[in-house]
C-alpha atoms as a PDB file:
ATOM      1  CA  MET A   1      -2.152 -20.166  13.290  1.00  0.00           C
ATOM      2  CA  GLU A   2      -2.495 -17.882  10.291  1.00  0.00           C
ATOM      3  CA  TRP A   3      -1.904 -14.192   9.706  1.00  0.00           C
ATOM      4  CA  THR A   4      -2.093 -11.673   6.893  1.00  0.00           C
ATOM      5  CA  ILE A   5      -0.050  -8.503   6.747  1.00  0.00           C
ATOM      6  CA  ASP A   6      -0.965  -5.420   4.698  1.00  0.00           C
ATOM      7  CA  TYR A   7       0.786  -2.093   4.354  1.00  0.00           C
ATOM      8  CA  LEU A   8      -1.658   0.826   4.402  1.00  0.00           C
ATOM      9  CA  GLU A   9       0.561   3.340   2.669  1.00  0.00           C
ATOM     10  CA  ALA A  10      -1.840   6.297   2.874  1.00  0.00           C
ATOM     11  CA  GLU A  11      -2.103   5.943   6.662  1.00  0.00           C
ATOM     12  CA  GLY A  12       1.490   4.835   7.236  1.00  0.00           C
ATOM     13  CA  ILE A  13       0.242   1.776   9.132  1.00  0.00           C
ATOM     14  CA  ILE A  14       1.005  -1.912   8.894  1.00  0.00           C
ATOM     15  CA  ARG A  15      -2.240  -3.837   9.425  1.00  0.00           C
ATOM     16  CA  VAL A  16      -2.332  -7.453  10.516  1.00  0.00           C
ATOM     17  CA  LYS A  17      -5.080  -9.992  11.045  1.00  0.00           C
ATOM     18  CA  ALA A  18      -4.250 -13.097  13.086  1.00  0.00           C
ATOM     19  CA  SER A  19      -6.459 -16.132  13.551  1.00  0.00           C
ATOM     20  CA  GLY A  20      -6.229 -19.521  15.186  1.00  0.00           C
ATOM     21  CA  VAL A  21      -4.298 -20.692  18.217  1.00  0.00           C
ATOM     22  CA  MET A  22      -1.073 -18.771  18.868  1.00  0.00           C
ATOM     23  CA  ASP A  23       1.431 -20.322  21.220  1.00  0.00           C
ATOM     24  CA  TRP A  24       4.757 -18.769  22.229  1.00  0.00           C
ATOM     25  CA  ASP A  25       6.716 -20.174  19.262  1.00  0.00           C
ATOM     26  CA  GLU A  26       4.034 -19.051  16.799  1.00  0.00           C
ATOM     27  CA  HIS A  27       4.019 -15.582  18.319  1.00  0.00           C
ATOM     28  CA  LYS A  28       7.771 -15.336  17.957  1.00  0.00           C
ATOM     29  CA  ARG A  29       7.549 -16.312  14.247  1.00  0.00           C
ATOM     30  CA  PHE A  30       4.715 -13.792  13.852  1.00  0.00           C
ATOM     31  CA  ALA A  31       6.787 -11.014  15.449  1.00  0.00           C
ATOM     32  CA  GLU A  32       9.897 -11.915  13.423  1.00  0.00           C
ATOM     33  CA  GLU A  33       7.899 -11.480  10.221  1.00  0.00           C
ATOM     34  CA  LEU A  34       5.876  -8.433  11.236  1.00  0.00           C
ATOM     35  CA  TYR A  35       8.174  -5.952  12.937  1.00  0.00           C
ATOM     36  CA  PRO A  36      11.086  -5.960  10.462  1.00  0.00           C
ATOM     37  CA  LEU A  37       8.589  -4.590   7.905  1.00  0.00           C
ATOM     38  CA  ALA A  38       8.857  -1.272   9.719  1.00  0.00           C
ATOM     39  CA  SER A  39      12.363  -0.792   8.373  1.00  0.00           C
ATOM     40  CA  LYS A  40      11.321  -1.811   4.869  1.00  0.00           C
ATOM     41  CA  HIS A  41       8.455   0.698   4.736  1.00  0.00           C
ATOM     42  CA  GLY A  42       9.734   3.320   7.169  1.00  0.00           C
ATOM     43  CA  VAL A  43       6.653   2.791   9.325  1.00  0.00           C
ATOM     44  CA  HIS A  44       6.315   2.678  13.090  1.00  0.00           C
ATOM     45  CA  LYS A  45       2.583   2.124  13.517  1.00  0.00           C
ATOM     46  CA  PHE A  46       0.875  -1.253  13.677  1.00  0.00           C
ATOM     47  CA  LEU A  47      -2.805  -2.198  13.809  1.00  0.00           C
ATOM     48  CA  ILE A  48      -3.247  -5.831  14.805  1.00  0.00           C
ATOM     49  CA  ASP A  49      -6.588  -7.652  14.755  1.00  0.00           C
ATOM     50  CA  PHE A  50      -6.468 -10.385  17.403  1.00  0.00           C
ATOM     51  CA  ARG A  51     -10.239 -10.941  17.618  1.00  0.00           C
ATOM     52  CA  GLU A  52      -9.997 -14.372  15.936  1.00  0.00           C
ATOM     53  CA  MET A  53      -6.777 -15.384  17.687  1.00  0.00           C
ATOM     54  CA  VAL A  54      -6.627 -17.599  20.762  1.00  0.00           C
ATOM     55  CA  PRO A  55      -3.479 -16.982  22.841  1.00  0.00           C
ATOM     56  CA  LYS A  56      -1.818 -19.949  24.526  1.00  0.00           C
ATOM     57  CA  PHE A  57       0.805 -18.206  26.651  1.00  0.00           C
ATOM     58  CA  THR A  58       1.805 -18.613  30.257  1.00  0.00           C
ATOM     59  CA  ILE A  59       1.864 -15.600  32.570  1.00  0.00           C
ATOM     60  CA  PRO A  60       5.714 -15.647  32.602  1.00  0.00           C
ATOM     61  CA  GLN A  61       5.722 -15.684  28.776  1.00  0.00           C
ATOM     62  CA  ILE A  62       3.407 -12.665  28.684  1.00  0.00           C
ATOM     63  CA  GLY A  63       5.766 -10.947  31.120  1.00  0.00           C
ATOM     64  CA  ASP A  64       8.689 -11.751  28.771  1.00  0.00           C
ATOM     65  CA  LEU A  65       6.850 -10.524  25.679  1.00  0.00           C
ATOM     66  CA  PRO A  66       8.238  -6.956  25.728  1.00  0.00           C
ATOM     67  CA  ASP A  67      11.805  -8.306  25.849  1.00  0.00           C
ATOM     68  CA  MET A  68      11.111 -10.685  22.945  1.00  0.00           C
ATOM     69  CA  LEU A  69       9.589  -7.828  20.941  1.00  0.00           C
ATOM     70  CA  ARG A  70      12.667  -5.679  21.461  1.00  0.00           C
ATOM     71  CA  LYS A  71      14.856  -8.555  20.258  1.00  0.00           C
ATOM     72  CA  VAL A  72      12.931  -8.790  16.984  1.00  0.00           C
ATOM     73  CA  GLY A  73      13.220  -5.076  16.287  1.00  0.00           C
ATOM     74  CA  VAL A  74      10.440  -3.238  18.133  1.00  0.00           C
ATOM     75  CA  GLU A  75      11.830   0.216  18.803  1.00  0.00           C
ATOM     76  CA  PRO A  76      10.740   2.799  21.416  1.00  0.00           C
ATOM     77  CA  GLY A  77       9.051   4.916  18.723  1.00  0.00           C
ATOM     78  CA  PHE A  78       6.745   2.126  17.578  1.00  0.00           C
ATOM     79  CA  LYS A  79       3.012   2.364  18.274  1.00  0.00           C
ATOM     80  CA  ILE A  80       1.229  -0.964  18.420  1.00  0.00           C
ATOM     81  CA  ALA A  81      -2.569  -0.993  18.637  1.00  0.00           C
ATOM     82  CA  SER A  82      -4.290  -4.336  18.924  1.00  0.00           C
ATOM     83  CA  VAL A  83      -7.993  -5.018  18.732  1.00  0.00           C
ATOM     84  CA  TYR A  84      -9.252  -7.900  20.839  1.00  0.00           C
ATOM     85  CA  ASN A  85     -12.504  -9.284  22.154  1.00  0.00           C
ATOM     86  CA  PRO A  86     -12.664  -8.495  25.895  1.00  0.00           C
ATOM     87  CA  ASP A  87     -15.529 -10.934  26.458  1.00  0.00           C
ATOM     88  CA  THR A  88     -13.416 -14.020  25.817  1.00  0.00           C
ATOM     89  CA  SER A  89     -11.985 -16.143  28.595  1.00  0.00           C
ATOM     90  CA  TYR A  90      -8.487 -14.863  27.716  1.00  0.00           C
ATOM     91  CA  GLY A  91      -9.267 -11.126  27.542  1.00  0.00           C
ATOM     92  CA  HIS A  92      -7.335 -10.661  30.789  1.00  0.00           C
ATOM     93  CA  GLU A  93      -4.152 -11.795  28.988  1.00  0.00           C
ATOM     94  CA  PHE A  94      -4.355  -8.831  26.615  1.00  0.00           C
ATOM     95  CA  ARG A  95      -4.913  -6.416  29.481  1.00  0.00           C
ATOM     96  CA  PHE A  96      -2.011  -7.924  31.451  1.00  0.00           C
ATOM     97  CA  PHE A  97       0.365  -7.564  28.498  1.00  0.00           C
ATOM     98  CA  SER A  98      -0.775  -3.971  27.971  1.00  0.00           C
ATOM     99  CA  ASN A  99       0.046  -3.185  31.609  1.00  0.00           C
ATOM    100  CA  VAL A 100       3.463  -4.855  31.354  1.00  0.00           C
ATOM    101  CA  ALA A 101       4.231  -2.925  28.165  1.00  0.00           C
ATOM    102  CA  LYS A 102       3.224   0.409  29.724  1.00  0.00           C
ATOM    103  CA  PHE A 103       5.374  -0.304  32.761  1.00  0.00           C
ATOM    104  CA  LEU A 104       8.327  -0.818  30.385  1.00  0.00           C
ATOM    105  CA  SER A 105       7.534   2.389  28.450  1.00  0.00           C
ATOM    106  CA  MET A 106       6.409   0.618  25.273  1.00  0.00           C
ATOM    107  CA  ARG A 107       3.651   2.293  23.294  1.00  0.00           C
ATOM    108  CA  VAL A 108       1.255  -0.627  23.147  1.00  0.00           C
ATOM    109  CA  GLN A 109      -2.494  -0.322  23.635  1.00  0.00           C
ATOM    110  CA  GLN A 110      -5.344  -2.823  23.533  1.00  0.00           C
ATOM    111  CA  PHE A 111      -8.674  -1.725  22.070  1.00  0.00           C
ATOM    112  CA  GLU A 112     -12.127  -3.172  21.672  1.00  0.00           C
ATOM    113  CA  THR A 113     -12.847  -1.391  18.357  1.00  0.00           C
ATOM    114  CA  PHE A 114     -10.915  -0.456  15.227  1.00  0.00           C
ATOM    115  CA  ASP A 115     -12.080   3.154  15.433  1.00  0.00           C
ATOM    116  CA  GLU A 116     -10.490   3.568  18.864  1.00  0.00           C
ATOM    117  CA  ALA A 117      -7.305   1.832  17.723  1.00  0.00           C
ATOM    118  CA  LEU A 118      -6.971   3.983  14.589  1.00  0.00           C
ATOM    119  CA  ALA A 119      -7.667   7.195  16.476  1.00  0.00           C
ATOM    120  CA  TRP A 120      -4.890   6.334  18.931  1.00  0.00           C
ATOM    121  CA  LEU A 121      -2.454   5.408  16.144  1.00  0.00           C
ATOM    122  CA  LYS A 122      -3.145   8.687  14.318  1.00  0.00           C
ATOM    123  CA  SER A 123      -2.785  10.815  17.451  1.00  0.00           C
ATOM    124  CA  ASP A 124       0.687  12.383  17.305  1.00  0.00           C
END
């Protein structure tokens, strides 16, 4: 599992690209590195490219994801837009997490294109 993190200062967005197989422990390390950057840069918007990432989570782990994110510093004001490939065999996992996050009042959305993701991040 690899990831790169960039700060897009002009847009006030932290951009991430993840690739490879991401299991629960890898995702936790990823989140522990990513979300504390918000405090450092005073940013609350994230654009995450998951198109080259293969999730290896169980359904209960996906259900626990919002709680884990809160523990690593995700605040109610954060906006997290992720871009994924819906045609993969695990596309349903992204949609399930998005539904869980909405139910828990987290501002997380899954998108098929960067343009849609950026438009959502810039709205408000």
